[in-house]
Amino acid sequence: NSVTIDDTGVYYCALVDGLCSLDRFLVDHWGQGTQVT
């Protein structure tokens, strides 16, 4: 909601075998991404 130009980019879904994490190095599985402009 209330998107700004700074929200532009490719958004990736990811799965982590562990705690809820925003750390890319802990990702076990990546999706291919979807573009938001």
ModelCIF file with pLDDT and N, C-alpha, C, O atoms, coordinates in Angstrom:
data_MODEL
#
_entry.id   MODEL 
#
_entity.id                         1 
_entity.type                       polymer 
_entity.pdbx_number_of_molecules   1 
#
_entity_poly.entity_id                      1 
_entity_poly.type                           'polypeptide(L)' 
_entity_poly.nstd_linkage                   no 
_entity_poly.nstd_monomer                   no 
_entity_poly.pdbx_seq_one_letter_code       NSVTIDDTGVYYCALVDGLCSLDRFLVDHWGQGTQVT 
_entity_poly.pdbx_seq_one_letter_code_can   NSVTIDDTGVYYCALVDGLCSLDRFLVDHWGQGTQVT 
_entity_poly.pdbx_strand_id                 A 
#
loop_
_entity_poly_seq.entity_id 
_entity_poly_seq.num 
_entity_poly_seq.mon_id 
_entity_poly_seq.hetero 
1 1  ASN n 
1 2  SER n 
1 3  VAL n 
1 4  THR n 
1 5  ILE n 
1 6  ASP n 
1 7  ASP n 
1 8  THR n 
1 9  GLY n 
1 10 VAL n 
1 11 TYR n 
1 12 TYR n 
1 13 CYS n 
1 14 ALA n 
1 15 LEU n 
1 16 VAL n 
1 17 ASP n 
1 18 GLY n 
1 19 LEU n 
1 20 CYS n 
1 21 SER n 
1 22 LEU n 
1 23 ASP n 
1 24 ARG n 
1 25 PHE n 
1 26 LEU n 
1 27 VAL n 
1 28 ASP n 
1 29 HIS n 
1 30 TRP n 
1 31 GLY n 
1 32 GLN n 
1 33 GLY n 
1 34 THR n 
1 35 GLN n 
1 36 VAL n 
1 37 THR n 
#
_struct_asym.id          A 
_struct_asym.entity_id   1 
#
loop_
_ma_qa_metric.id 
_ma_qa_metric.mode 
_ma_qa_metric.name 
_ma_qa_metric.software_group_id 
_ma_qa_metric.type 
1 global pLDDT . pLDDT 
2 local  pLDDT . pLDDT 
#
_ma_qa_metric_global.metric_id      1 
_ma_qa_metric_global.metric_value   95.70 
_ma_qa_metric_global.model_id       1 
_ma_qa_metric_global.ordinal_id     1 
#
loop_
_ma_qa_metric_local.label_asym_id 
_ma_qa_metric_local.label_comp_id 
_ma_qa_metric_local.label_seq_id 
_ma_qa_metric_local.metric_id 
_ma_qa_metric_local.metric_value 
_ma_qa_metric_local.model_id 
_ma_qa_metric_local.ordinal_id 
A ASN 1  2 98.00 1 1  
A SER 2  2 98.00 1 2  
A VAL 3  2 98.00 1 3  
A THR 4  2 96.00 1 4  
A ILE 5  2 96.00 1 5  
A ASP 6  2 95.00 1 6  
A ASP 7  2 96.00 1 7  
A THR 8  2 96.00 1 8  
A GLY 9  2 96.00 1 9  
A VAL 10 2 97.00 1 10 
A TYR 11 2 98.00 1 11 
A TYR 12 2 98.00 1 12 
A CYS 13 2 98.00 1 13 
A ALA 14 2 98.00 1 14 
A LEU 15 2 97.00 1 15 
A VAL 16 2 96.00 1 16 
A ASP 17 2 95.00 1 17 
A GLY 18 2 89.00 1 18 
A LEU 19 2 91.00 1 19 
A CYS 20 2 92.00 1 20 
A SER 21 2 90.00 1 21 
A LEU 22 2 94.00 1 22 
A ASP 23 2 94.00 1 23 
A ARG 24 2 94.00 1 24 
A PHE 25 2 94.00 1 25 
A LEU 26 2 94.00 1 26 
A VAL 27 2 95.00 1 27 
A ASP 28 2 95.00 1 28 
A HIS 29 2 97.00 1 29 
A TRP 30 2 97.00 1 30 
A GLY 31 2 97.00 1 31 
A GLN 32 2 97.00 1 32 
A GLY 33 2 97.00 1 33 
A THR 34 2 97.00 1 34 
A GLN 35 2 97.00 1 35 
A VAL 36 2 97.00 1 36 
A THR 37 2 97.00 1 37 
#
loop_
_atom_site.group_PDB 
_atom_site.id 
_atom_site.type_symbol 
_atom_site.label_atom_id 
_atom_site.label_alt_id 
_atom_site.label_comp_id 
_atom_site.label_asym_id 
_atom_site.label_entity_id 
_atom_site.label_seq_id 
_atom_site.pdbx_PDB_ins_code 
_atom_site.Cartn_x 
_atom_site.Cartn_y 
_atom_site.Cartn_z 
_atom_site.occupancy 
_atom_site.B_iso_or_equiv 
_atom_site.pdbx_formal_charge 
_atom_site.auth_seq_id 
_atom_site.auth_comp_id 
_atom_site.auth_asym_id 
_atom_site.auth_atom_id 
_atom_site.pdbx_PDB_model_num 
ATOM 1   N N  . ASN A 1 1  ? 0.829  -1.195  0.000   1.00 98.00 ? 1  ASN A N  1 
ATOM 2   C CA . ASN A 1 1  ? 0.000  0.000   0.000   1.00 98.00 ? 1  ASN A CA 1 
ATOM 3   C C  . ASN A 1 1  ? 0.868  1.251   0.000   1.00 98.00 ? 1  ASN A C  1 
ATOM 4   O O  . ASN A 1 1  ? 2.031  1.216   0.403   1.00 98.00 ? 1  ASN A O  1 
ATOM 5   N N  . SER A 1 2  ? 0.289  2.348   -0.455  1.00 98.00 ? 2  SER A N  1 
ATOM 6   C CA . SER A 1 2  ? 0.971  3.645   -0.448  1.00 98.00 ? 2  SER A CA 1 
ATOM 7   C C  . SER A 1 2  ? 2.370  3.550   -1.031  1.00 98.00 ? 2  SER A C  1 
ATOM 8   O O  . SER A 1 2  ? 3.332  4.030   -0.433  1.00 98.00 ? 2  SER A O  1 
ATOM 9   N N  . VAL A 1 3  ? 2.480  2.940   -2.185  1.00 98.00 ? 3  VAL A N  1 
ATOM 10  C CA . VAL A 1 3  ? 3.791  2.682   -2.771  1.00 98.00 ? 3  VAL A CA 1 
ATOM 11  C C  . VAL A 1 3  ? 4.447  3.981   -3.221  1.00 98.00 ? 3  VAL A C  1 
ATOM 12  O O  . VAL A 1 3  ? 3.774  4.950   -3.572  1.00 98.00 ? 3  VAL A O  1 
ATOM 13  N N  . THR A 1 4  ? 5.765  3.977   -3.201  1.00 96.00 ? 4  THR A N  1 
ATOM 14  C CA . THR A 1 4  ? 6.573  5.085   -3.684  1.00 96.00 ? 4  THR A CA 1 
ATOM 15  C C  . THR A 1 4  ? 7.527  4.583   -4.751  1.00 96.00 ? 4  THR A C  1 
ATOM 16  O O  . THR A 1 4  ? 7.651  3.378   -4.969  1.00 96.00 ? 4  THR A O  1 
ATOM 17  N N  . ILE A 1 5  ? 8.200  5.515   -5.416  1.00 96.00 ? 5  ILE A N  1 
ATOM 18  C CA . ILE A 1 5  ? 9.144  5.136   -6.451  1.00 96.00 ? 5  ILE A CA 1 
ATOM 19  C C  . ILE A 1 5  ? 10.267 4.264   -5.886  1.00 96.00 ? 5  ILE A C  1 
ATOM 20  O O  . ILE A 1 5  ? 10.848 3.457   -6.613  1.00 96.00 ? 5  ILE A O  1 
ATOM 21  N N  . ASP A 1 6  ? 10.572 4.417   -4.612  1.00 95.00 ? 6  ASP A N  1 
ATOM 22  C CA . ASP A 1 6  ? 11.619 3.608   -3.992  1.00 95.00 ? 6  ASP A CA 1 
ATOM 23  C C  . ASP A 1 6  ? 11.221 2.146   -3.822  1.00 95.00 ? 6  ASP A C  1 
ATOM 24  O O  . ASP A 1 6  ? 12.067 1.306   -3.516  1.00 95.00 ? 6  ASP A O  1 
ATOM 25  N N  . ASP A 1 7  ? 9.949  1.837   -4.017  1.00 96.00 ? 7  ASP A N  1 
ATOM 26  C CA . ASP A 1 7  ? 9.501  0.454   -3.944  1.00 96.00 ? 7  ASP A CA 1 
ATOM 27  C C  . ASP A 1 7  ? 9.697  -0.293  -5.254  1.00 96.00 ? 7  ASP A C  1 
ATOM 28  O O  . ASP A 1 7  ? 9.428  -1.492  -5.325  1.00 96.00 ? 7  ASP A O  1 
ATOM 29  N N  . THR A 1 8  ? 10.156 0.385   -6.276  1.00 96.00 ? 8  THR A N  1 
ATOM 30  C CA . THR A 1 8  ? 10.395 -0.242  -7.569  1.00 96.00 ? 8  THR A CA 1 
ATOM 31  C C  . THR A 1 8  ? 11.496 -1.295  -7.465  1.00 96.00 ? 8  THR A C  1 
ATOM 32  O O  . THR A 1 8  ? 12.498 -1.090  -6.779  1.00 96.00 ? 8  THR A O  1 
ATOM 33  N N  . GLY A 1 9  ? 11.306 -2.408  -8.142  1.00 96.00 ? 9  GLY A N  1 
ATOM 34  C CA . GLY A 1 9  ? 12.317 -3.442  -8.187  1.00 96.00 ? 9  GLY A CA 1 
ATOM 35  C C  . GLY A 1 9  ? 11.720 -4.814  -8.404  1.00 96.00 ? 9  GLY A C  1 
ATOM 36  O O  . GLY A 1 9  ? 10.501 -4.977  -8.472  1.00 96.00 ? 9  GLY A O  1 
ATOM 37  N N  . VAL A 1 10 ? 12.588 -5.790  -8.510  1.00 97.00 ? 10 VAL A N  1 
ATOM 38  C CA . VAL A 1 10 ? 12.166 -7.178  -8.633  1.00 97.00 ? 10 VAL A CA 1 
ATOM 39  C C  . VAL A 1 10 ? 11.986 -7.752  -7.237  1.00 97.00 ? 10 VAL A C  1 
ATOM 40  O O  . VAL A 1 10 ? 12.899 -7.698  -6.413  1.00 97.00 ? 10 VAL A O  1 
ATOM 41  N N  . TYR A 1 11 ? 10.826 -8.292  -6.981  1.00 98.00 ? 11 TYR A N  1 
ATOM 42  C CA . TYR A 1 11 ? 10.508 -8.862  -5.676  1.00 98.00 ? 11 TYR A CA 1 
ATOM 43  C C  . TYR A 1 11 ? 10.599 -10.376 -5.734  1.00 98.00 ? 11 TYR A C  1 
ATOM 44  O O  . TYR A 1 11 ? 10.049 -11.012 -6.634  1.00 98.00 ? 11 TYR A O  1 
ATOM 45  N N  . TYR A 1 12 ? 11.305 -10.947 -4.759  1.00 98.00 ? 12 TYR A N  1 
ATOM 46  C CA . TYR A 1 12 ? 11.557 -12.370 -4.706  1.00 98.00 ? 12 TYR A CA 1 
ATOM 47  C C  . TYR A 1 12 ? 10.908 -12.995 -3.480  1.00 98.00 ? 12 TYR A C  1 
ATOM 48  O O  . TYR A 1 12 ? 10.997 -12.460 -2.375  1.00 98.00 ? 12 TYR A O  1 
ATOM 49  N N  . CYS A 1 13 ? 10.274 -14.102 -3.681  1.00 98.00 ? 13 CYS A N  1 
ATOM 50  C CA . CYS A 1 13 ? 9.785  -14.939 -2.601  1.00 98.00 ? 13 CYS A CA 1 
ATOM 51  C C  . CYS A 1 13 ? 10.883 -15.925 -2.211  1.00 98.00 ? 13 CYS A C  1 
ATOM 52  O O  . CYS A 1 13 ? 11.600 -16.433 -3.073  1.00 98.00 ? 13 CYS A O  1 
ATOM 53  N N  . ALA A 1 14 ? 11.014 -16.194 -0.919  1.00 98.00 ? 14 ALA A N  1 
ATOM 54  C CA . ALA A 1 14 ? 12.088 -17.060 -0.451  1.00 98.00 ? 14 ALA A CA 1 
ATOM 55  C C  . ALA A 1 14 ? 11.638 -17.855 0.759   1.00 98.00 ? 14 ALA A C  1 
ATOM 56  O O  . ALA A 1 14 ? 10.804 -17.400 1.541   1.00 98.00 ? 14 ALA A O  1 
ATOM 57  N N  . LEU A 1 15 ? 12.196 -19.046 0.905   1.00 97.00 ? 15 LEU A N  1 
ATOM 58  C CA . LEU A 1 15 ? 11.915 -19.918 2.040   1.00 97.00 ? 15 LEU A CA 1 
ATOM 59  C C  . LEU A 1 15 ? 13.171 -20.109 2.873   1.00 97.00 ? 15 LEU A C  1 
ATOM 60  O O  . LEU A 1 15 ? 14.274 -20.229 2.339   1.00 97.00 ? 15 LEU A O  1 
ATOM 61  N N  . VAL A 1 16 ? 12.990 -20.135 4.184   1.00 96.00 ? 16 VAL A N  1 
ATOM 62  C CA . VAL A 1 16 ? 14.083 -20.274 5.129   1.00 96.00 ? 16 VAL A CA 1 
ATOM 63  C C  . VAL A 1 16 ? 13.764 -21.399 6.095   1.00 96.00 ? 16 VAL A C  1 
ATOM 64  O O  . VAL A 1 16 ? 12.688 -21.437 6.691   1.00 96.00 ? 16 VAL A O  1 
ATOM 65  N N  . ASP A 1 17 ? 14.714 -22.315 6.244   1.00 95.00 ? 17 ASP A N  1 
ATOM 66  C CA . ASP A 1 17 ? 14.568 -23.407 7.210   1.00 95.00 ? 17 ASP A CA 1 
ATOM 67  C C  . ASP A 1 17 ? 15.069 -22.904 8.551   1.00 95.00 ? 17 ASP A C  1 
ATOM 68  O O  . ASP A 1 17 ? 16.172 -23.235 8.986   1.00 95.00 ? 17 ASP A O  1 
ATOM 69  N N  . GLY A 1 18 ? 14.246 -22.105 9.192   1.00 89.00 ? 18 GLY A N  1 
ATOM 70  C CA . GLY A 1 18 ? 14.604 -21.512 10.460  1.00 89.00 ? 18 GLY A CA 1 
ATOM 71  C C  . GLY A 1 18 ? 13.643 -20.395 10.808  1.00 89.00 ? 18 GLY A C  1 
ATOM 72  O O  . GLY A 1 18 ? 12.495 -20.374 10.364  1.00 89.00 ? 18 GLY A O  1 
ATOM 73  N N  . LEU A 1 19 ? 14.137 -19.469 11.611  1.00 91.00 ? 19 LEU A N  1 
ATOM 74  C CA . LEU A 1 19 ? 13.307 -18.371 12.072  1.00 91.00 ? 19 LEU A CA 1 
ATOM 75  C C  . LEU A 1 19 ? 12.979 -17.401 10.948  1.00 91.00 ? 19 LEU A C  1 
ATOM 76  O O  . LEU A 1 19 ? 13.707 -17.305 9.961   1.00 91.00 ? 19 LEU A O  1 
ATOM 77  N N  . CYS A 1 20 ? 11.885 -16.690 11.110  1.00 92.00 ? 20 CYS A N  1 
ATOM 78  C CA . CYS A 1 20 ? 11.541 -15.586 10.231  1.00 92.00 ? 20 CYS A CA 1 
ATOM 79  C C  . CYS A 1 20 ? 12.752 -14.672 10.094  1.00 92.00 ? 20 CYS A C  1 
ATOM 80  O O  . CYS A 1 20 ? 13.272 -14.168 11.090  1.00 92.00 ? 20 CYS A O  1 
ATOM 81  N N  . SER A 1 21 ? 13.202 -14.458 8.848   1.00 90.00 ? 21 SER A N  1 
ATOM 82  C CA . SER A 1 21 ? 14.471 -13.783 8.642   1.00 90.00 ? 21 SER A CA 1 
ATOM 83  C C  . SER A 1 21 ? 14.437 -12.857 7.436   1.00 90.00 ? 21 SER A C  1 
ATOM 84  O O  . SER A 1 21 ? 13.836 -13.172 6.408   1.00 90.00 ? 21 SER A O  1 
ATOM 85  N N  . LEU A 1 22 ? 15.086 -11.716 7.577   1.00 94.00 ? 22 LEU A N  1 
ATOM 86  C CA . LEU A 1 22 ? 15.294 -10.775 6.483   1.00 94.00 ? 22 LEU A CA 1 
ATOM 87  C C  . LEU A 1 22 ? 16.731 -10.827 5.973   1.00 94.00 ? 22 LEU A C  1 
ATOM 88  O O  . LEU A 1 22 ? 17.159 -9.935  5.241   1.00 94.00 ? 22 LEU A O  1 
ATOM 89  N N  . ASP A 1 23 ? 17.468 -11.849 6.347   1.00 94.00 ? 23 ASP A N  1 
ATOM 90  C CA . ASP A 1 23 ? 18.866 -12.017 5.976   1.00 94.00 ? 23 ASP A CA 1 
ATOM 91  C C  . ASP A 1 23 ? 18.963 -12.884 4.730   1.00 94.00 ? 23 ASP A C  1 
ATOM 92  O O  . ASP A 1 23 ? 18.598 -14.059 4.767   1.00 94.00 ? 23 ASP A O  1 
ATOM 93  N N  . ARG A 1 24 ? 19.447 -12.323 3.630   1.00 94.00 ? 24 ARG A N  1 
ATOM 94  C CA . ARG A 1 24 ? 19.511 -13.072 2.375   1.00 94.00 ? 24 ARG A CA 1 
ATOM 95  C C  . ARG A 1 24 ? 20.423 -14.285 2.458   1.00 94.00 ? 24 ARG A C  1 
ATOM 96  O O  . ARG A 1 24 ? 20.246 -15.240 1.702   1.00 94.00 ? 24 ARG A O  1 
ATOM 97  N N  . PHE A 1 25 ? 21.405 -14.265 3.371   1.00 94.00 ? 25 PHE A N  1 
ATOM 98  C CA . PHE A 1 25 ? 22.346 -15.372 3.469   1.00 94.00 ? 25 PHE A CA 1 
ATOM 99  C C  . PHE A 1 25 ? 21.734 -16.602 4.126   1.00 94.00 ? 25 PHE A C  1 
ATOM 100 O O  . PHE A 1 25 ? 22.325 -17.681 4.073   1.00 94.00 ? 25 PHE A O  1 
ATOM 101 N N  . LEU A 1 26 ? 20.582 -16.468 4.732   1.00 94.00 ? 26 LEU A N  1 
ATOM 102 C CA . LEU A 1 26 ? 19.907 -17.588 5.357   1.00 94.00 ? 26 LEU A CA 1 
ATOM 103 C C  . LEU A 1 26 ? 18.871 -18.236 4.459   1.00 94.00 ? 26 LEU A C  1 
ATOM 104 O O  . LEU A 1 26 ? 18.238 -19.215 4.854   1.00 94.00 ? 26 LEU A O  1 
ATOM 105 N N  . VAL A 1 27 ? 18.686 -17.709 3.265   1.00 95.00 ? 27 VAL A N  1 
ATOM 106 C CA . VAL A 1 27 ? 17.666 -18.226 2.370   1.00 95.00 ? 27 VAL A CA 1 
ATOM 107 C C  . VAL A 1 27 ? 18.065 -19.594 1.833   1.00 95.00 ? 27 VAL A C  1 
ATOM 108 O O  . VAL A 1 27 ? 19.197 -19.791 1.392   1.00 95.00 ? 27 VAL A O  1 
ATOM 109 N N  . ASP A 1 28 ? 17.134 -20.531 1.872   1.00 95.00 ? 28 ASP A N  1 
ATOM 110 C CA . ASP A 1 28 ? 17.361 -21.869 1.342   1.00 95.00 ? 28 ASP A CA 1 
ATOM 111 C C  . ASP A 1 28 ? 16.794 -22.052 -0.062  1.00 95.00 ? 28 ASP A C  1 
ATOM 112 O O  . ASP A 1 28 ? 17.322 -22.849 -0.838  1.00 95.00 ? 28 ASP A O  1 
ATOM 113 N N  . HIS A 1 29 ? 15.731 -21.329 -0.398  1.00 97.00 ? 29 HIS A N  1 
ATOM 114 C CA . HIS A 1 29 ? 15.090 -21.461 -1.692  1.00 97.00 ? 29 HIS A CA 1 
ATOM 115 C C  . HIS A 1 29 ? 14.614 -20.101 -2.176  1.00 97.00 ? 29 HIS A C  1 
ATOM 116 O O  . HIS A 1 29 ? 14.004 -19.344 -1.421  1.00 97.00 ? 29 HIS A O  1 
ATOM 117 N N  . TRP A 1 30 ? 14.896 -19.792 -3.443  1.00 97.00 ? 30 TRP A N  1 
ATOM 118 C CA . TRP A 1 30 ? 14.501 -18.536 -4.072  1.00 97.00 ? 30 TRP A CA 1 
ATOM 119 C C  . TRP A 1 30 ? 13.508 -18.771 -5.200  1.00 97.00 ? 30 TRP A C  1 
ATOM 120 O O  . TRP A 1 30 ? 13.609 -19.752 -5.937  1.00 97.00 ? 30 TRP A O  1 
ATOM 121 N N  . GLY A 1 31 ? 12.551 -17.865 -5.324  1.00 97.00 ? 31 GLY A N  1 
ATOM 122 C CA . GLY A 1 31 ? 11.745 -17.801 -6.521  1.00 97.00 ? 31 GLY A CA 1 
ATOM 123 C C  . GLY A 1 31 ? 12.462 -17.013 -7.602  1.00 97.00 ? 31 GLY A C  1 
ATOM 124 O O  . GLY A 1 31 ? 13.576 -16.530 -7.394  1.00 97.00 ? 31 GLY A O  1 
ATOM 125 N N  . GLN A 1 32 ? 11.823 -16.884 -8.758  1.00 97.00 ? 32 GLN A N  1 
ATOM 126 C CA . GLN A 1 32 ? 12.451 -16.230 -9.901  1.00 97.00 ? 32 GLN A CA 1 
ATOM 127 C C  . GLN A 1 32 ? 12.270 -14.723 -9.909  1.00 97.00 ? 32 GLN A C  1 
ATOM 128 O O  . GLN A 1 32 ? 12.982 -14.026 -10.632 1.00 97.00 ? 32 GLN A O  1 
ATOM 129 N N  . GLY A 1 33 ? 11.346 -14.207 -9.133  1.00 97.00 ? 33 GLY A N  1 
ATOM 130 C CA . GLY A 1 33 ? 11.125 -12.784 -9.029  1.00 97.00 ? 33 GLY A CA 1 
ATOM 131 C C  . GLY A 1 33 ? 10.001 -12.281 -9.904  1.00 97.00 ? 33 GLY A C  1 
ATOM 132 O O  . GLY A 1 33 ? 9.690  -12.873 -10.938 1.00 97.00 ? 33 GLY A O  1 
ATOM 133 N N  . THR A 1 34 ? 9.391  -11.183 -9.484  1.00 97.00 ? 34 THR A N  1 
ATOM 134 C CA . THR A 1 34 ? 8.368  -10.502 -10.262 1.00 97.00 ? 34 THR A CA 1 
ATOM 135 C C  . THR A 1 34 ? 8.616  -9.002  -10.181 1.00 97.00 ? 34 THR A C  1 
ATOM 136 O O  . THR A 1 34 ? 8.911  -8.473  -9.109  1.00 97.00 ? 34 THR A O  1 
ATOM 137 N N  . GLN A 1 35 ? 8.497  -8.321  -11.310 1.00 97.00 ? 35 GLN A N  1 
ATOM 138 C CA . GLN A 1 35 ? 8.861  -6.910  -11.415 1.00 97.00 ? 35 GLN A CA 1 
ATOM 139 C C  . GLN A 1 35 ? 7.741  -6.011  -10.927 1.00 97.00 ? 35 GLN A C  1 
ATOM 140 O O  . GLN A 1 35 ? 6.587  -6.162  -11.325 1.00 97.00 ? 35 GLN A O  1 
ATOM 141 N N  . VAL A 1 36 ? 8.096  -5.076  -10.061 1.00 97.00 ? 36 VAL A N  1 
ATOM 142 C CA . VAL A 1 36 ? 7.204  -4.018  -9.613  1.00 97.00 ? 36 VAL A CA 1 
ATOM 143 C C  . VAL A 1 36 ? 7.794  -2.687  -10.041 1.00 97.00 ? 36 VAL A C  1 
ATOM 144 O O  . VAL A 1 36 ? 8.943  -2.379  -9.722  1.00 97.00 ? 36 VAL A O  1 
ATOM 145 N N  . THR A 1 37 ? 7.012  -1.898  -10.762 1.00 97.00 ? 37 THR A N  1 
ATOM 146 C CA . THR A 1 37 ? 7.449  -0.588  -11.208 1.00 97.00 ? 37 THR A CA 1 
ATOM 147 C C  . THR A 1 37 ? 6.468  0.463   -10.718 1.00 97.00 ? 37 THR A C  1 
ATOM 148 O O  . THR A 1 37 ? 6.651  1.651   -10.986 1.00 97.00 ? 37 THR A O  1 
#
